[in-house]
Amino acid sequence: MVYTINYEDKNGRQWCLFDIQVWVDHKYNIWQVGEGWRTECGCVCFGQCIAQYIYDGNIKDDETLKDFQKDVSDIVEIRGFLFEQHRNNWYSGGSIVNGDKIGEQEAYDRMHNEFIPDIEKKLVDFANKWNFEIRK
């Protein structure tokens, strides 16, 4: 799943502030698990676009700037949110049922049913607060 958080300036130009990707990662030789799957998350923050948002006068005072900086840091650290707020453990691929590796299916189910809704809520709250648009 790929999300972008965008800002439209006064001239109608689109600026992409963040590119957030969420996927199920697969690795071999994991300590005590062997082969396994878990959700991963990455975030790219585009500083030029953040600067444009501020330059356009959307931040009026130091207190608002501090609040914005904290919120931006929370989005940049979205991977930490995934690992700190959730037990994002590896699912082992040791068992096969109907041709599917159980660990892989558990990882996908958890990503879609638990992690994606929480990540989306965090992104929507941020976008609503600062008047950004989210695309997925």
Protein backbone atom coordinates (compact mmCIF):
# COMPACT_ATOMS: atom_id res chain seq x y z
CA MET A 1 0.00 0.00 0.00
CA VAL A 2 1.34 3.44 -0.94
CA TYR A 3 0.11 6.72 0.50
CA THR A 4 1.08 10.27 -0.33
CA ILE A 5 0.30 13.35 1.72
CA ASN A 6 -0.05 16.37 -0.53
CA TYR A 7 -0.40 20.12 -0.27
CA GLU A 8 -1.97 22.39 -2.89
CA ASP A 9 -0.52 25.90 -2.88
CA LYS A 10 -2.34 29.14 -3.71
CA ASN A 11 -1.51 28.75 -7.41
CA GLY A 12 -3.01 25.27 -7.58
CA ARG A 13 0.34 23.46 -7.73
CA GLN A 14 0.54 20.10 -5.97
CA TRP A 15 3.36 19.40 -3.54
CA CYS A 16 4.00 15.89 -2.21
CA LEU A 17 5.17 16.20 1.39
CA PHE A 18 5.34 12.48 2.25
CA ASP A 19 5.46 9.15 0.46
CA ILE A 20 4.56 6.32 2.87
CA GLN A 21 4.75 2.67 1.87
CA VAL A 22 3.42 -0.32 3.83
CA TRP A 23 4.11 -3.90 2.75
CA VAL A 24 4.67 -7.43 4.02
CA ASP A 25 8.38 -8.22 4.16
CA HIS A 26 9.79 -11.73 3.76
CA LYS A 27 13.16 -12.86 5.09
CA TYR A 28 15.11 -16.08 5.51
CA ASN A 29 17.39 -17.08 8.40
CA ILE A 30 15.59 -15.08 11.08
CA TRP A 31 16.88 -15.92 14.53
CA GLN A 32 14.56 -18.44 16.27
CA VAL A 33 11.99 -18.21 13.47
CA GLY A 34 13.74 -19.32 10.30
CA GLU A 35 11.72 -18.03 7.36
CA GLY A 36 9.17 -15.36 8.23
CA TRP A 37 6.90 -12.48 7.25
CA ARG A 38 5.98 -9.20 8.94
CA THR A 39 4.68 -5.78 8.05
CA GLU A 40 7.23 -3.12 7.12
CA CYS A 41 6.74 0.59 6.66
CA GLY A 42 8.84 3.31 5.09
CA CYS A 43 8.41 7.05 4.85
CA VAL A 44 10.10 9.59 2.59
CA CYS A 45 9.70 13.23 3.61
CA PHE A 46 10.23 15.89 0.96
CA GLY A 47 11.80 18.86 2.72
CA GLN A 48 11.40 21.25 -0.21
CA CYS A 49 7.64 20.68 -0.14
CA ILE A 50 7.45 21.12 3.65
CA ALA A 51 9.42 24.36 3.25
CA GLN A 52 6.99 25.52 0.53
CA TYR A 53 4.04 24.91 2.84
CA ILE A 54 5.66 27.05 5.54
CA TYR A 55 6.90 29.68 3.05
CA ASP A 56 3.35 30.08 1.71
CA GLY A 57 2.34 31.48 5.11
CA ASN A 58 0.52 28.48 6.53
CA ILE A 59 2.54 28.69 9.75
CA LYS A 60 2.00 32.05 11.44
CA ASP A 61 3.87 31.80 14.77
CA ASP A 62 6.52 29.85 16.67
CA GLU A 63 4.00 27.85 18.69
CA THR A 64 2.27 26.61 15.54
CA LEU A 65 5.66 25.85 13.98
CA LYS A 66 6.64 23.74 17.01
CA ASP A 67 3.33 21.86 16.82
CA PHE A 68 3.78 21.29 13.07
CA GLN A 69 7.36 20.11 13.58
CA LYS A 70 6.22 17.57 16.18
CA ASP A 71 3.45 16.28 13.90
CA VAL A 72 5.84 16.03 10.93
CA SER A 73 8.29 14.06 13.10
CA ASP A 74 5.49 11.66 14.05
CA ILE A 75 4.79 10.97 10.37
CA VAL A 76 8.48 10.60 9.51
CA GLU A 77 8.74 8.05 12.34
CA ILE A 78 5.68 6.06 11.21
CA ARG A 79 7.79 2.87 11.12
CA GLY A 80 8.55 3.36 14.81
CA PHE A 81 4.82 3.76 15.48
CA LEU A 82 4.25 0.41 13.80
CA PHE A 83 6.87 -1.30 15.95
CA GLU A 84 6.29 0.56 19.23
CA GLN A 85 2.48 0.62 19.26
CA HIS A 86 2.01 -2.88 17.88
CA ARG A 87 3.71 -6.20 18.42
CA ASN A 88 4.92 -6.46 14.85
CA ASN A 89 6.44 -9.94 15.19
CA TRP A 90 7.67 -12.25 12.50
CA TYR A 91 5.25 -14.98 11.44
CA SER A 92 6.97 -18.26 10.74
CA GLY A 93 6.40 -20.07 7.46
CA GLY A 94 6.76 -23.57 8.91
CA SER A 95 3.25 -24.87 8.21
CA ILE A 96 1.44 -25.17 4.89
CA VAL A 97 -2.38 -25.41 4.67
CA ASN A 98 -4.10 -25.76 1.27
CA GLY A 99 -0.88 -24.74 -0.46
CA ASP A 100 -0.52 -21.50 1.53
CA LYS A 101 2.24 -20.82 3.99
CA ILE A 102 0.42 -20.00 7.21
CA GLY A 103 2.90 -17.37 8.38
CA GLU A 104 2.57 -15.43 5.17
CA GLN A 105 -1.25 -15.32 5.35
CA GLU A 106 -1.17 -14.31 9.03
CA ALA A 107 1.19 -11.46 8.22
CA TYR A 108 -1.04 -10.20 5.38
CA ASP A 109 -4.17 -10.51 7.52
CA ARG A 110 -2.59 -8.58 10.38
CA MET A 111 -1.29 -5.89 8.04
CA HIS A 112 -4.71 -5.35 6.44
CA ASN A 113 -6.88 -5.79 9.54
CA GLU A 114 -4.80 -4.13 12.25
CA PHE A 115 -1.83 -2.12 10.98
CA ILE A 116 -3.32 -0.44 7.88
CA PRO A 117 -6.38 0.95 9.76
CA ASP A 118 -4.15 2.37 12.54
CA ILE A 119 -1.66 3.86 10.08
CA GLU A 120 -4.47 5.34 7.98
CA LYS A 121 -6.06 6.90 11.08
CA LYS A 122 -2.74 8.52 11.98
CA LEU A 123 -2.31 9.86 8.43
CA VAL A 124 -5.90 11.12 8.20
CA ASP A 125 -5.66 12.88 11.58
CA PHE A 126 -2.45 14.61 10.44
CA ALA A 127 -3.89 15.58 7.05
CA ASN A 128 -7.12 16.93 8.55
CA LYS A 129 -5.25 18.97 11.16
CA TRP A 130 -2.98 20.69 8.59
CA ASN A 131 -5.39 20.73 5.63
CA PHE A 132 -3.51 18.23 3.46
CA GLU A 133 -4.82 15.62 1.06
CA ILE A 134 -4.08 11.90 1.26
CA ARG A 135 -3.87 9.71 -1.82
CA LYS A 136 -3.56 5.96 -1.89
